[in-house]
């Protein structure tokens, strides 16, 4: 069963229309801020439109810092092999976490860029214009959000100050606040949050809901995380969440990691070297594993992994079959099955209550994932969409238009639930639950307590006996109020900890970001030139991939490296030129390589096609 059909041609048409249309009403953005890609959408003329970036609706969440400036999106992604130490990505995996968090430490060891401990806050260190700079994960996310904001304002012809950002349903308080801070730094005045599975359900109901209440399960397996959410769609504008469960380290990247660990061991066994000691080669293997995963899950049953490493001194070549992939990733499949069982049994839900399963995220395309779901629910039908990569952004755009008043619609009723229980530590190191898991947001919870020394932590007075109030707002941010019995001492605080940015830090980052955004004309020209250059360099990577490197001699490989080096030197020694000139120069340089591929008909054909 297909839902929410999307015509890609509409994007191009709407982009042209946006450039000349000045809306008379304020517009709000809905942004799906993913681990791998980001997508912005807007509700306009009773339709949802995606904002184009680099002629695509998806913007890769990559930032590359170079000697000429900053690259974002596809340009940064194409730069990762040549500049792994200064290309930042995947920050959604550790936004809102502390540096000493074991999950961060385990996950970060395979990222090529550096990070250091700044009073328990994570700071990423890179070189930009030959100067070292450090950024918080919130600032990196802000760069992505700013790119989307700029593209939207240029297309819509007006300033946009309101946004709804999507987050995993299982994000904790710190991660939610960090995401909101990123939106503030990027220049948005009002930032609201919505869980990714909920946004997908809102998008589904926009075209499919009727007046008969139905219970759905949203199965969201993205690049960086996994969420299961059970909710009832009562009608087009009324949603009631029943329960949600998720894992911040169960996504497409974790499947890639399973493959990486396997092939890294193969490499170590064959070459007696650890590939993690070589950032460029680590990046190549990571990208090769991702491509192999996609291939065996969608196109073929067996695929080859091959790439040159250590400056082409070593050539790695291996194979991966679909059955081998499923065997290597079996621990992840087992975790998914456990989550499915838990979300049903722990909440007393009968399988017969689930009307349908909505699949969201690239990970749901994995054949075994679908077999697991069909087997568990004893069904053959799953709700999918060819445009699953934009479904969450669509839902966020609808939600933004309603809550910010961009459209006249019946009031959206969205009942959210708490992902995990919240409480305080009492005597005997026992947790006293104040807010139970799956409790509704926008509720006030009271607790009458006797003398409890541990509760004094973070309060500006000694608390002995009285009342503590816990309150969750609509974004899931926790506020605590405490009042001592028989005294007038009281305090109302937003939960504080080391990983949370203070208001002063957010304001300073916002101010610095605005200065960077203004820049001078020379910097803007350099930035445009660099991005144009990177687009041409992406052509080089395509040509390399099209050539059967097994048939190239070491001398021929060396010749190509000389060609590319000379071309890069030419680019760096010339002022900004048009992309057409860059491509002509590159094609001229490639003529020196052409004899090297003439003996391979398929490679020659591909070579001529790319030229």
Protein backbone atom coordinates (compact mmCIF):
# COMPACT_ATOMS: atom_id res chain seq x y z
CA UNK A 1 0.00 0.00 0.00
CA UNK A 2 1.38 3.39 -0.98
CA UNK A 3 0.72 6.60 0.89
CA UNK A 4 1.42 10.26 0.36
CA UNK A 5 2.53 10.10 -3.29
CA UNK A 6 4.99 12.80 -4.25
CA UNK A 7 5.84 13.94 -7.76
CA UNK A 8 9.49 14.97 -8.04
CA UNK A 9 8.65 17.26 -10.97
CA UNK A 10 6.52 19.38 -8.67
CA UNK A 11 9.66 20.32 -6.75
CA UNK A 12 11.33 21.87 -9.78
CA UNK A 13 8.17 23.71 -10.84
CA UNK A 14 7.53 25.04 -7.37
CA UNK A 15 11.14 26.18 -7.07
CA UNK A 16 10.79 28.39 -10.15
CA UNK A 17 7.50 29.80 -8.91
CA UNK A 18 8.90 30.53 -5.45
CA UNK A 19 11.61 32.77 -6.82
CA UNK A 20 9.09 35.35 -7.97
CA UNK A 21 6.35 34.91 -5.41
CA UNK A 22 6.23 37.17 -2.37
CA UNK A 23 3.86 35.73 0.20
CA UNK A 24 1.65 38.16 2.08
CA UNK A 25 1.49 35.92 5.12
CA UNK A 26 4.26 34.77 7.45
CA UNK A 27 5.53 31.31 6.69
CA UNK A 28 7.07 28.74 9.00
CA UNK A 29 9.50 25.99 8.09
CA UNK A 30 9.40 22.35 8.99
CA UNK A 31 12.88 20.83 9.00
CA UNK A 32 13.82 17.19 9.27
CA UNK A 33 17.30 17.50 10.76
CA UNK A 34 18.63 14.01 10.15
CA UNK A 35 21.95 12.36 10.82
CA UNK A 36 22.86 12.00 7.14
CA UNK A 37 20.56 14.46 5.36
CA UNK A 38 18.35 17.42 6.19
CA UNK A 39 15.20 18.49 4.40
CA UNK A 40 13.10 21.64 4.71
CA UNK A 41 9.45 21.95 3.72
CA UNK A 42 6.78 24.64 3.85
CA UNK A 43 2.99 24.59 3.75
CA UNK A 44 1.94 26.92 0.93
CA UNK A 45 -1.24 27.22 -1.13
CA UNK A 46 -2.78 24.19 0.59
CA UNK A 47 0.18 22.05 -0.46
CA UNK A 48 3.46 21.01 1.10
CA UNK A 49 6.53 22.03 -0.86
CA UNK A 50 10.11 20.95 -0.28
CA UNK A 51 12.84 23.58 -0.50
CA UNK A 52 15.46 22.83 -3.11
CA UNK A 53 19.15 22.83 -2.18
CA UNK A 54 21.71 22.31 -4.91
CA UNK A 55 18.84 21.11 -7.17
CA UNK A 56 17.86 18.47 -4.62
CA UNK A 57 15.43 18.39 -1.72
CA UNK A 58 17.97 16.67 0.53
CA UNK A 59 20.98 18.51 1.94
CA UNK A 60 23.78 16.23 3.18
CA UNK A 61 24.61 17.08 6.81
CA UNK A 62 28.31 17.53 6.11
CA UNK A 63 30.48 20.57 6.84
CA UNK A 64 34.02 20.76 5.47
CA UNK A 65 36.48 23.41 6.62
CA UNK A 66 39.18 24.24 4.07
CA UNK A 67 41.99 26.71 3.58
CA UNK A 68 39.62 28.80 1.43
CA UNK A 69 36.56 28.71 3.66
CA UNK A 70 33.60 26.55 4.49
CA UNK A 71 31.73 23.96 2.44
CA UNK A 72 28.31 22.51 3.16
CA UNK A 73 26.15 19.79 1.70
CA UNK A 74 27.26 17.89 -1.39
CA UNK A 75 30.41 19.95 -1.78
CA UNK A 76 31.51 18.98 1.74
CA UNK A 77 30.57 15.34 1.15
CA UNK A 78 32.71 15.18 -1.99
CA UNK A 79 35.58 16.69 0.00
CA UNK A 80 35.60 14.09 2.77
CA UNK A 81 38.17 11.79 1.16
CA UNK A 82 40.70 14.56 0.68
CA UNK A 83 40.02 16.38 3.92
CA UNK A 84 38.73 13.85 6.49
CA UNK A 85 40.20 15.59 9.54
CA UNK A 86 38.29 18.79 8.82
CA UNK A 87 35.02 17.39 7.48
CA UNK A 88 32.40 17.15 10.21
CA UNK A 89 29.30 14.96 10.01
CA UNK A 90 27.03 12.81 12.15
CA UNK A 91 26.81 15.37 14.99
CA UNK A 92 23.21 14.39 15.68
CA UNK A 93 24.64 11.23 17.24
CA UNK A 94 26.29 13.18 20.05
CA UNK A 95 24.46 16.50 20.31
CA UNK A 96 23.45 17.12 23.92
CA UNK A 97 25.84 14.49 25.30
CA UNK A 98 28.82 14.89 27.61
CA UNK A 99 32.36 14.15 26.51
CA UNK A 100 32.72 11.31 29.03
CA UNK A 101 29.50 9.63 27.92
CA UNK A 102 30.51 5.99 27.19
CA UNK A 103 28.21 5.90 24.16
CA UNK A 104 29.92 8.96 22.70
CA UNK A 105 33.40 7.58 23.38
CA UNK A 106 32.56 4.27 21.72
CA UNK A 107 30.90 5.87 18.71
CA UNK A 108 33.38 8.69 18.14
CA UNK A 109 36.48 6.54 17.78
CA UNK A 110 35.63 5.86 14.13
CA UNK A 111 34.99 9.49 13.20
CA UNK A 112 37.98 11.02 11.36
CA UNK A 113 37.78 14.50 12.94
CA UNK A 114 38.96 15.45 16.44
CA UNK A 115 37.03 16.45 19.56
CA UNK A 116 38.16 17.49 23.02
CA UNK A 117 36.70 17.87 26.51
CA UNK A 118 35.64 21.42 27.40
CA UNK A 119 34.27 21.16 30.94
CA UNK A 120 32.38 18.00 29.93
CA UNK A 121 31.05 19.68 26.79
CA UNK A 122 32.03 18.22 23.43
CA UNK A 123 34.06 20.57 21.26
CA UNK A 124 35.03 19.69 17.70
CA UNK A 125 38.42 20.98 16.55
CA UNK A 126 39.12 21.71 12.87
CA UNK A 127 41.37 23.89 10.72
CA UNK A 128 39.70 26.64 8.68
CA UNK A 129 41.70 29.09 6.56
CA UNK A 130 44.82 27.67 8.22
CA UNK A 131 43.56 28.62 11.69
CA UNK A 132 42.34 26.20 14.38
CA UNK A 133 38.72 26.70 15.44
CA UNK A 134 36.49 24.78 17.83
CA UNK A 135 32.75 24.31 17.56
CA UNK A 136 30.05 22.77 19.71
CA UNK A 137 27.78 20.21 18.01
CA UNK A 138 25.01 22.81 18.25
CA UNK A 139 27.05 25.20 16.10
CA UNK A 140 27.67 22.54 13.46
CA UNK A 141 23.95 21.78 13.31
CA UNK A 142 23.29 25.53 13.10
CA UNK A 143 25.41 25.72 9.94
CA UNK A 144 23.17 23.12 8.30
CA UNK A 145 20.00 24.82 9.52
CA UNK A 146 21.26 28.20 8.33
CA UNK A 147 21.86 26.80 4.85
CA UNK A 148 18.26 25.55 4.73
CA UNK A 149 16.95 28.83 6.14
CA UNK A 150 18.82 30.87 3.52
CA UNK A 151 17.58 28.66 0.67
CA UNK A 152 13.99 28.90 1.93
CA UNK A 153 14.10 32.68 2.29
CA UNK A 154 15.55 33.06 -1.20
CA UNK A 155 12.86 30.81 -2.68
CA UNK A 156 9.92 32.24 -0.76
CA UNK A 157 11.00 35.87 -0.96
CA UNK A 158 10.58 36.64 2.73
CA UNK A 159 12.30 36.31 6.08
CA UNK A 160 11.49 33.18 8.07
CA UNK A 161 11.74 33.25 11.85
CA UNK A 162 9.65 30.26 12.98
CA UNK A 163 10.63 26.62 12.61
CA UNK A 164 9.68 23.15 13.76
CA UNK A 165 12.65 20.79 14.04
CA UNK A 166 12.28 17.03 14.16
CA UNK A 167 14.04 14.92 16.77
CA UNK A 168 14.12 11.21 17.63
CA UNK A 169 11.28 10.33 20.00
CA UNK A 170 13.76 9.03 22.58
CA UNK A 171 15.83 12.24 22.80
CA UNK A 172 16.37 13.20 26.43
CA UNK A 173 16.03 16.65 27.96
CA UNK A 174 19.62 17.69 27.16
CA UNK A 175 19.39 16.58 23.55
CA UNK A 176 16.11 18.43 23.06
CA UNK A 177 17.52 21.64 24.50
CA UNK A 178 20.68 21.33 22.41
CA UNK A 179 18.60 20.95 19.25
CA UNK A 180 16.55 24.03 20.13
CA UNK A 181 19.80 25.92 20.79
CA UNK A 182 21.03 25.00 17.30
CA UNK A 183 17.87 26.51 15.84
CA UNK A 184 18.37 29.71 17.86
CA UNK A 185 22.00 30.01 16.76
CA UNK A 186 20.94 29.57 13.12
CA UNK A 187 18.74 32.66 13.41
CA UNK A 188 15.26 31.33 14.15
CA UNK A 189 13.34 33.26 16.81
CA UNK A 190 10.82 30.59 17.75
CA UNK A 191 11.88 26.94 17.66
CA UNK A 192 9.49 24.07 18.33
CA UNK A 193 10.19 20.34 18.35
CA UNK A 194 8.29 17.31 17.12
CA UNK A 195 9.29 13.65 17.27
CA UNK A 196 10.16 12.12 13.90
CA UNK A 197 7.61 9.26 14.11
CA UNK A 198 4.89 11.74 15.10
CA UNK A 199 5.76 13.97 12.13
CA UNK A 200 5.52 10.96 9.82
CA UNK A 201 2.07 10.16 11.25
CA UNK A 202 0.94 13.77 10.73
CA UNK A 203 2.08 13.55 7.10
CA UNK A 204 0.23 10.27 6.63
CA UNK A 205 -3.00 11.60 8.13
CA UNK A 206 -2.88 14.70 5.92
CA UNK A 207 -4.03 12.68 2.91
CA UNK A 208 -5.28 9.44 4.42
CA UNK A 209 -7.05 9.98 7.75
CA UNK A 210 -10.80 9.47 8.15
CA UNK A 211 -13.19 10.00 11.05
CA UNK A 212 -12.74 6.47 12.40
CA UNK A 213 -9.99 6.27 15.06
CA UNK A 214 -7.24 3.82 14.15
CA UNK A 215 -4.07 2.77 15.96
CA UNK A 216 -0.82 2.72 13.99
CA UNK A 217 2.75 1.78 14.70
CA UNK A 218 5.39 4.05 13.16
CA UNK A 219 8.56 2.05 12.51
CA UNK A 220 11.33 4.60 11.99
CA UNK A 221 14.83 3.35 11.16
CA UNK A 222 16.97 6.24 10.00
CA UNK A 223 20.67 6.74 9.44
CA UNK A 224 21.46 7.40 13.09
CA UNK A 225 18.63 6.15 15.26
CA UNK A 226 15.64 3.86 15.68
CA UNK A 227 12.16 4.69 17.02
CA UNK A 228 8.99 2.71 17.56
CA UNK A 229 5.88 4.74 18.28
CA UNK A 230 2.33 3.53 18.77
CA UNK A 231 -0.32 6.21 18.34
CA UNK A 232 -4.00 6.59 17.58
CA UNK A 233 -5.07 8.85 14.74
CA UNK A 234 -8.61 9.87 15.68
CA UNK A 235 -9.10 12.18 12.72
CA UNK A 236 -7.10 14.51 10.50
CA UNK A 237 -6.15 16.80 13.38
CA UNK A 238 -6.26 14.65 16.52
CA UNK A 239 -3.40 12.37 17.53
CA UNK A 240 -2.86 10.50 20.75
CA UNK A 241 0.51 8.89 21.42
CA UNK A 242 0.32 5.70 23.46
CA UNK A 243 3.96 4.76 23.83
CA UNK A 244 7.35 5.25 22.24
CA UNK A 245 10.61 3.35 22.41
CA UNK A 246 13.93 3.92 20.71
CA UNK A 247 17.67 3.54 20.48
CA UNK A 248 20.12 6.34 19.67
CA UNK A 249 22.68 3.83 18.43
CA UNK A 250 20.63 1.64 16.16
CA UNK A 251 20.50 3.11 12.67
CA UNK A 252 22.03 2.83 9.23
CA UNK A 253 25.41 3.94 10.59
CA UNK A 254 25.40 1.02 13.01
CA UNK A 255 24.82 -1.45 10.18
CA UNK A 256 27.72 0.22 8.36
CA UNK A 257 29.81 -0.13 11.52
CA UNK A 258 29.16 -3.87 11.66
CA UNK A 259 30.46 -4.18 8.10
CA UNK A 260 33.37 -1.84 8.82
CA UNK A 261 34.49 -3.87 11.84
CA UNK A 262 34.40 -7.04 9.77
CA UNK A 263 36.38 -5.69 6.83
CA UNK A 264 38.79 -3.83 9.12
CA UNK A 265 39.63 -7.21 10.65
CA UNK A 266 40.04 -8.69 7.18
CA UNK A 267 42.37 -5.83 6.29
CA UNK A 268 44.35 -6.25 9.51
CA UNK A 269 44.71 -9.98 8.92
CA UNK A 270 45.92 -9.53 5.34
CA UNK A 271 48.07 -6.40 5.69
CA UNK A 272 49.14 -6.58 9.37
CA UNK A 273 48.07 -2.95 9.75
CA UNK A 274 45.20 -1.21 11.53
CA UNK A 275 43.19 0.84 9.06
CA UNK A 276 42.02 3.14 11.89
CA UNK A 277 45.55 4.57 11.97
CA UNK A 278 44.98 6.07 8.50
CA UNK A 279 42.07 8.59 8.40
CA UNK A 280 41.79 8.77 4.61
CA UNK A 281 41.69 4.99 4.26
CA UNK A 282 39.23 4.73 7.15
CA UNK A 283 36.92 7.13 5.33
CA UNK A 284 37.24 5.17 2.09
CA UNK A 285 36.37 1.91 3.83
CA UNK A 286 33.42 3.52 5.63
CA UNK A 287 32.01 4.82 2.35
CA UNK A 288 32.64 1.48 0.64
CA UNK A 289 30.76 -0.35 3.40
CA UNK A 290 27.77 1.98 3.07
CA UNK A 291 27.62 1.50 -0.70
CA UNK A 292 27.97 -2.27 -0.33
CA UNK A 293 25.12 -2.34 2.21
CA UNK A 294 22.84 -0.40 -0.12
CA UNK A 295 23.74 -2.63 -3.07
CA UNK A 296 23.11 -5.99 -1.37
CA UNK A 297 19.87 -4.71 0.14
CA UNK A 298 18.37 -3.30 -3.04
CA UNK A 299 20.05 -4.43 -6.26
CA UNK A 300 22.30 -7.50 -6.12
CA UNK A 301 23.01 -10.49 -3.91
CA UNK A 302 26.78 -10.03 -3.99
CA UNK A 303 28.95 -6.92 -4.29
CA UNK A 304 32.67 -6.14 -4.36
CA UNK A 305 34.40 -3.69 -2.03
CA UNK A 306 37.53 -2.19 -3.54
CA UNK A 307 39.58 0.94 -2.99
CA UNK A 308 43.17 2.13 -2.91
CA UNK A 309 44.65 3.21 0.40
CA UNK A 310 47.88 4.50 1.91
CA UNK A 311 48.55 6.65 -1.16
CA UNK A 312 47.73 3.71 -3.47
CA UNK A 313 50.48 1.51 -2.04
CA UNK A 314 47.83 -1.03 -0.99
CA UNK A 315 44.69 -2.04 -2.87
CA UNK A 316 41.88 -3.54 -0.80
CA UNK A 317 39.44 -5.89 -2.50
CA UNK A 318 36.79 -8.11 -0.91
CA UNK A 319 33.21 -9.30 -1.40
CA UNK A 320 29.95 -9.09 0.53
CA UNK A 321 26.85 -11.23 -0.02
CA UNK A 322 23.33 -10.50 1.22
CA UNK A 323 23.37 -13.57 3.46
CA UNK A 324 26.75 -12.51 4.88
CA UNK A 325 25.39 -9.02 5.53
CA UNK A 326 22.42 -10.44 7.42
CA UNK A 327 24.70 -12.70 9.44
CA UNK A 328 27.11 -9.90 10.37
CA UNK A 329 24.24 -7.62 11.38
CA UNK A 330 22.25 -10.29 13.21
CA UNK A 331 22.82 -8.61 16.64
CA UNK A 332 21.07 -5.49 15.31
CA UNK A 333 18.18 -7.48 13.90
CA UNK A 334 17.83 -9.22 17.26
CA UNK A 335 17.68 -5.83 19.02
CA UNK A 336 14.94 -4.68 16.69
CA UNK A 337 12.93 -7.82 17.41
CA UNK A 338 13.37 -7.25 21.17
CA UNK A 339 12.12 -3.67 20.83
CA UNK A 340 9.07 -4.84 18.90
CA UNK A 341 8.23 -7.39 21.59
CA UNK A 342 8.84 -4.87 24.37
CA UNK A 343 6.70 -2.06 22.96
CA UNK A 344 3.77 -4.47 22.56
CA UNK A 345 4.01 -6.57 25.73
CA UNK A 346 5.15 -3.90 28.19
CA UNK A 347 2.22 -1.66 27.28
CA UNK A 348 -0.47 -4.32 27.10
CA UNK A 349 -1.11 -3.76 23.41
CA UNK A 350 -2.69 -6.52 21.35
CA UNK A 351 -1.34 -7.10 17.85
CA UNK A 352 -4.90 -6.95 16.58
CA UNK A 353 -5.11 -3.34 17.81
CA UNK A 354 -2.47 -2.20 15.30
CA UNK A 355 -4.35 -1.20 12.15
CA UNK A 356 -1.22 -0.70 10.05
CA UNK A 357 2.54 -0.17 10.24
CA UNK A 358 4.01 3.02 8.76
CA UNK A 359 7.61 2.58 7.59
CA UNK A 360 9.89 5.63 7.68
CA UNK A 361 13.62 5.94 7.01
CA UNK A 362 16.12 4.39 4.61
CA UNK A 363 16.79 1.50 6.97
CA UNK A 364 13.28 0.14 6.40
CA UNK A 365 14.33 -0.78 2.86
CA UNK A 366 16.53 -3.59 4.20
CA UNK A 367 14.77 -6.82 3.13
CA UNK A 368 15.28 -8.62 6.44
CA UNK A 369 13.79 -5.67 8.35
CA UNK A 370 10.58 -6.05 6.36
CA UNK A 371 10.59 -9.81 6.84
CA UNK A 372 10.91 -9.31 10.60
CA UNK A 373 7.98 -6.87 10.68
CA UNK A 374 5.75 -9.05 8.49
CA UNK A 375 6.54 -12.11 10.56
CA UNK A 376 5.91 -10.32 13.85
CA UNK A 377 2.57 -8.82 12.83
CA UNK A 378 1.50 -11.71 10.56
CA UNK A 379 0.87 -9.30 7.71
CA UNK A 380 1.96 -8.73 4.14
CA UNK A 381 0.93 -5.10 3.84
CA UNK A 382 3.18 -2.27 5.06
CA UNK A 383 2.59 1.44 4.55
CA UNK A 384 5.51 2.83 2.58
CA UNK A 385 6.23 5.75 0.30
CA UNK A 386 8.73 6.24 -2.50
CA UNK A 387 9.58 9.58 -0.89
CA UNK A 388 10.17 8.33 2.64
CA UNK A 389 13.17 10.67 2.86
CA UNK A 390 10.83 13.69 2.81
CA UNK A 391 7.87 12.31 4.77
CA UNK A 392 9.13 13.54 8.15
CA UNK A 393 9.80 17.04 6.79
CA UNK A 394 6.28 17.09 5.33
CA UNK A 395 4.79 16.35 8.74
CA UNK A 396 6.95 18.99 10.39
CA UNK A 397 5.79 21.58 7.82
CA UNK A 398 2.12 20.80 8.49
CA UNK A 399 2.70 20.97 12.23
CA UNK A 400 4.57 24.29 11.88
CA UNK A 401 1.84 25.85 9.73
CA UNK A 402 -0.83 24.99 12.30
CA UNK A 403 0.90 25.86 15.58
CA UNK A 404 2.35 29.12 14.23
CA UNK A 405 -0.97 30.11 12.66
CA UNK A 406 0.18 30.14 9.03
CA UNK A 407 -3.06 28.46 8.00
CA UNK A 408 -6.62 28.61 9.21
CA UNK A 409 -7.35 25.07 10.32
CA UNK A 410 -9.08 23.21 13.06
CA UNK A 411 -6.87 23.10 16.14
CA UNK A 412 -4.28 20.35 16.02
CA UNK A 413 -4.58 18.12 19.07
CA UNK A 414 -1.37 16.21 19.69
CA UNK A 415 -1.05 14.32 22.95
CA UNK A 416 2.63 13.52 23.59
CA UNK A 417 4.08 11.06 26.07
CA UNK A 418 7.27 10.93 28.15
CA UNK A 419 9.88 8.56 26.76
CA UNK A 420 11.36 7.53 30.12
CA UNK A 421 10.42 7.85 33.78
CA UNK A 422 11.70 10.93 35.64
CA UNK A 423 12.28 11.12 39.37
CA UNK A 424 14.67 11.97 42.17
CA UNK A 425 17.10 9.97 44.23
CA UNK A 426 15.92 9.43 47.80
CA UNK A 427 17.50 7.73 50.80
CA UNK A 428 19.03 4.34 50.09
CA UNK A 429 19.94 5.40 46.53
CA UNK A 430 16.39 4.59 45.46
CA UNK A 431 14.73 6.45 42.60
CA UNK A 432 11.35 7.87 43.49
CA UNK A 433 9.40 8.26 40.24
CA UNK A 434 7.64 11.58 39.86
CA UNK A 435 6.71 11.31 36.18
CA UNK A 436 6.07 7.80 34.91
CA UNK A 437 7.00 6.65 31.43
CA UNK A 438 4.26 7.28 28.84
CA UNK A 439 2.75 10.09 30.96
CA UNK A 440 1.33 12.98 28.95
CA UNK A 441 3.25 16.21 28.36
CA UNK A 442 1.85 19.51 29.61
CA UNK A 443 1.11 17.92 32.96
CA UNK A 444 2.14 19.04 36.44
CA UNK A 445 3.42 16.37 38.82
CA UNK A 446 3.72 17.00 42.55
CA UNK A 447 5.74 15.19 45.19
CA UNK A 448 5.68 15.75 48.96
CA UNK A 449 9.06 14.84 50.38
CA UNK A 450 10.69 14.51 53.76
CA UNK A 451 14.33 15.45 54.39
CA UNK A 452 16.30 14.25 51.36
CA UNK A 453 19.94 15.41 51.12
CA UNK A 454 20.34 14.43 47.48
CA UNK A 455 17.64 16.80 46.28
CA UNK A 456 19.71 19.78 47.42
CA UNK A 457 22.02 19.34 44.44
CA UNK A 458 21.46 22.24 42.04
CA UNK A 459 19.15 24.19 44.37
CA UNK A 460 20.25 27.54 45.86
CA UNK A 461 19.03 26.67 49.35
CA UNK A 462 19.10 23.73 51.76
CA UNK A 463 15.94 21.74 51.18
CA UNK A 464 14.60 19.67 54.08
CA UNK A 465 10.86 19.07 53.68
CA UNK A 466 8.19 20.31 51.36
CA UNK A 467 6.91 20.14 47.78
CA UNK A 468 8.68 19.57 44.47
CA UNK A 469 6.88 20.20 41.18
CA UNK A 470 8.00 18.64 37.89
CA UNK A 471 6.56 20.07 34.69
CA UNK A 472 7.15 19.14 31.05
CA UNK A 473 6.37 21.66 28.35
CA UNK A 474 5.23 20.82 24.82
CA UNK A 475 8.82 20.34 23.63
CA UNK A 476 9.56 17.90 26.45
CA UNK A 477 11.79 20.34 28.37
CA UNK A 478 11.69 19.71 32.11
CA UNK A 479 11.13 22.47 34.66
CA UNK A 480 11.45 21.84 38.41
CA UNK A 481 9.98 23.98 41.18
CA UNK A 482 10.69 23.36 44.88
CA UNK A 483 9.18 24.96 47.98
CA UNK A 484 10.18 24.25 51.56
CA UNK A 485 7.39 23.65 54.07
CA UNK A 486 6.63 26.50 56.57
CA UNK A 487 9.17 28.76 54.84
CA UNK A 488 9.00 31.24 52.01
CA UNK A 489 12.12 29.86 50.30
CA UNK A 490 11.29 28.62 46.84
CA UNK A 491 13.03 28.11 43.55
CA UNK A 492 11.97 27.47 39.97
CA UNK A 493 14.70 26.18 37.73
CA UNK A 494 15.14 24.68 34.32
CA UNK A 495 17.03 21.42 34.71
CA UNK A 496 20.74 22.21 34.49
CA UNK A 497 23.78 20.06 33.83
CA UNK A 498 27.20 20.28 32.25
CA UNK A 499 26.19 19.32 28.73
CA UNK A 500 23.58 22.07 28.41
CA UNK A 501 24.58 25.40 26.90
CA UNK A 502 23.82 28.41 29.06
CA UNK A 503 21.79 31.35 27.71
CA UNK A 504 25.00 33.41 27.64
CA UNK A 505 26.77 30.76 25.54
CA UNK A 506 23.85 30.51 23.12
CA UNK A 507 23.72 34.30 22.75
CA UNK A 508 27.47 34.48 22.16
CA UNK A 509 27.33 31.70 19.56
CA UNK A 510 24.41 33.44 17.85
CA UNK A 511 26.34 36.72 17.75
CA UNK A 512 29.45 35.02 16.35
CA UNK A 513 27.32 33.19 13.81
CA UNK A 514 25.72 36.42 12.59
CA UNK A 515 29.16 37.97 12.11
CA UNK A 516 30.24 34.95 10.11
CA UNK A 517 27.06 35.06 8.01
CA UNK A 518 27.60 38.69 7.02
CA UNK A 519 31.20 38.24 5.94
CA UNK A 520 32.78 40.39 3.25
CA UNK A 521 32.31 40.14 -0.50
CA UNK A 522 35.74 38.60 -1.00
CA UNK A 523 34.96 35.75 1.41
CA UNK A 524 31.61 35.12 -0.29
CA UNK A 525 33.29 34.96 -3.70
CA UNK A 526 35.88 32.54 -2.37
CA UNK A 527 33.19 30.38 -0.83
CA UNK A 528 31.22 30.24 -4.09
CA UNK A 529 34.37 29.50 -6.02
CA UNK A 530 35.35 26.70 -3.67
CA UNK A 531 31.93 25.05 -3.92
CA UNK A 532 32.06 25.28 -7.73
CA UNK A 533 35.54 23.79 -7.66
CA UNK A 534 34.40 20.91 -5.47
CA UNK A 535 31.59 20.13 -7.92
CA UNK A 536 34.23 19.70 -10.63
CA UNK A 537 36.39 17.58 -8.37
CA UNK A 538 33.42 15.31 -7.82
CA UNK A 539 33.70 14.53 -11.54
CA UNK A 540 37.20 13.21 -10.90
CA UNK A 541 35.91 10.78 -8.30
CA UNK A 542 33.26 9.56 -10.76
CA UNK A 543 35.94 8.88 -13.38
CA UNK A 544 38.11 7.01 -10.90
CA UNK A 545 35.16 4.81 -9.93
CA UNK A 546 34.33 4.12 -13.58
CA UNK A 547 37.76 2.72 -14.38
CA UNK A 548 38.58 -0.92 -13.75
CA UNK A 549 41.52 -0.25 -11.45
CA UNK A 550 42.45 -3.93 -11.40
CA UNK A 551 43.60 -3.52 -15.00
CA UNK A 552 45.57 -0.34 -14.42
CA UNK A 553 49.27 -0.65 -13.86
CA UNK A 554 50.96 1.14 -10.95
CA UNK A 555 52.42 3.57 -13.50
CA UNK A 556 48.97 4.41 -14.87
CA UNK A 557 47.62 5.01 -11.37
CA UNK A 558 50.55 7.27 -10.65
CA UNK A 559 49.85 9.17 -13.88
CA UNK A 560 46.30 9.89 -12.82
CA UNK A 561 47.47 11.18 -9.43
CA UNK A 562 49.85 13.55 -11.23
CA UNK A 563 46.99 14.83 -13.41
CA UNK A 564 44.76 15.48 -10.45
CA UNK A 565 47.57 17.17 -8.48
CA UNK A 566 48.39 19.51 -11.39
CA UNK A 567 44.72 20.35 -11.78
CA UNK A 568 44.38 21.22 -8.09
CA UNK A 569 47.46 23.43 -8.26
CA UNK A 570 45.99 25.22 -11.27
CA UNK A 571 42.75 25.86 -9.36
CA UNK A 572 44.54 27.20 -6.30
CA UNK A 573 46.75 29.56 -8.33
CA UNK A 574 43.92 31.18 -10.32
CA UNK A 575 41.25 33.65 -9.27
CA UNK A 576 37.60 32.50 -9.20
CA UNK A 577 36.44 31.43 -12.65
CA UNK A 578 33.19 30.10 -14.06
CA UNK A 579 32.37 26.45 -13.62
CA UNK A 580 32.39 26.02 -17.43
CA UNK A 581 36.05 27.10 -17.57
CA UNK A 582 36.95 24.74 -14.73
CA UNK A 583 35.30 21.80 -16.50
CA UNK A 584 37.01 22.60 -19.82
CA UNK A 585 40.40 22.68 -18.09
CA UNK A 586 39.66 19.39 -16.37
CA UNK A 587 38.57 17.65 -19.60
CA UNK A 588 41.74 18.86 -21.28
CA UNK A 589 43.83 17.40 -18.47
CA UNK A 590 41.98 14.08 -18.67
CA UNK A 591 43.00 13.54 -22.28
CA UNK A 592 46.39 12.49 -20.91
CA UNK A 593 44.67 9.66 -19.06
CA UNK A 594 42.48 8.42 -21.91
CA UNK A 595 44.97 5.92 -23.37
CA UNK A 596 45.05 4.19 -19.99
CA UNK A 597 41.43 3.13 -20.29
CA UNK A 598 41.15 2.39 -23.99
CA UNK A 599 41.86 -1.30 -23.48
CA UNK A 600 38.67 -1.65 -21.39
CA UNK A 601 35.56 -1.05 -23.53
CA UNK A 602 33.17 -0.62 -20.61
CA UNK A 603 35.48 1.79 -18.81
CA UNK A 604 36.10 3.71 -22.04
CA UNK A 605 32.36 4.06 -22.65
CA UNK A 606 31.81 5.34 -19.14
CA UNK A 607 34.76 7.68 -19.48
CA UNK A 608 33.40 9.23 -22.67
CA UNK A 609 29.92 9.53 -21.15
CA UNK A 610 31.23 11.40 -18.12
CA UNK A 611 33.29 13.73 -20.27
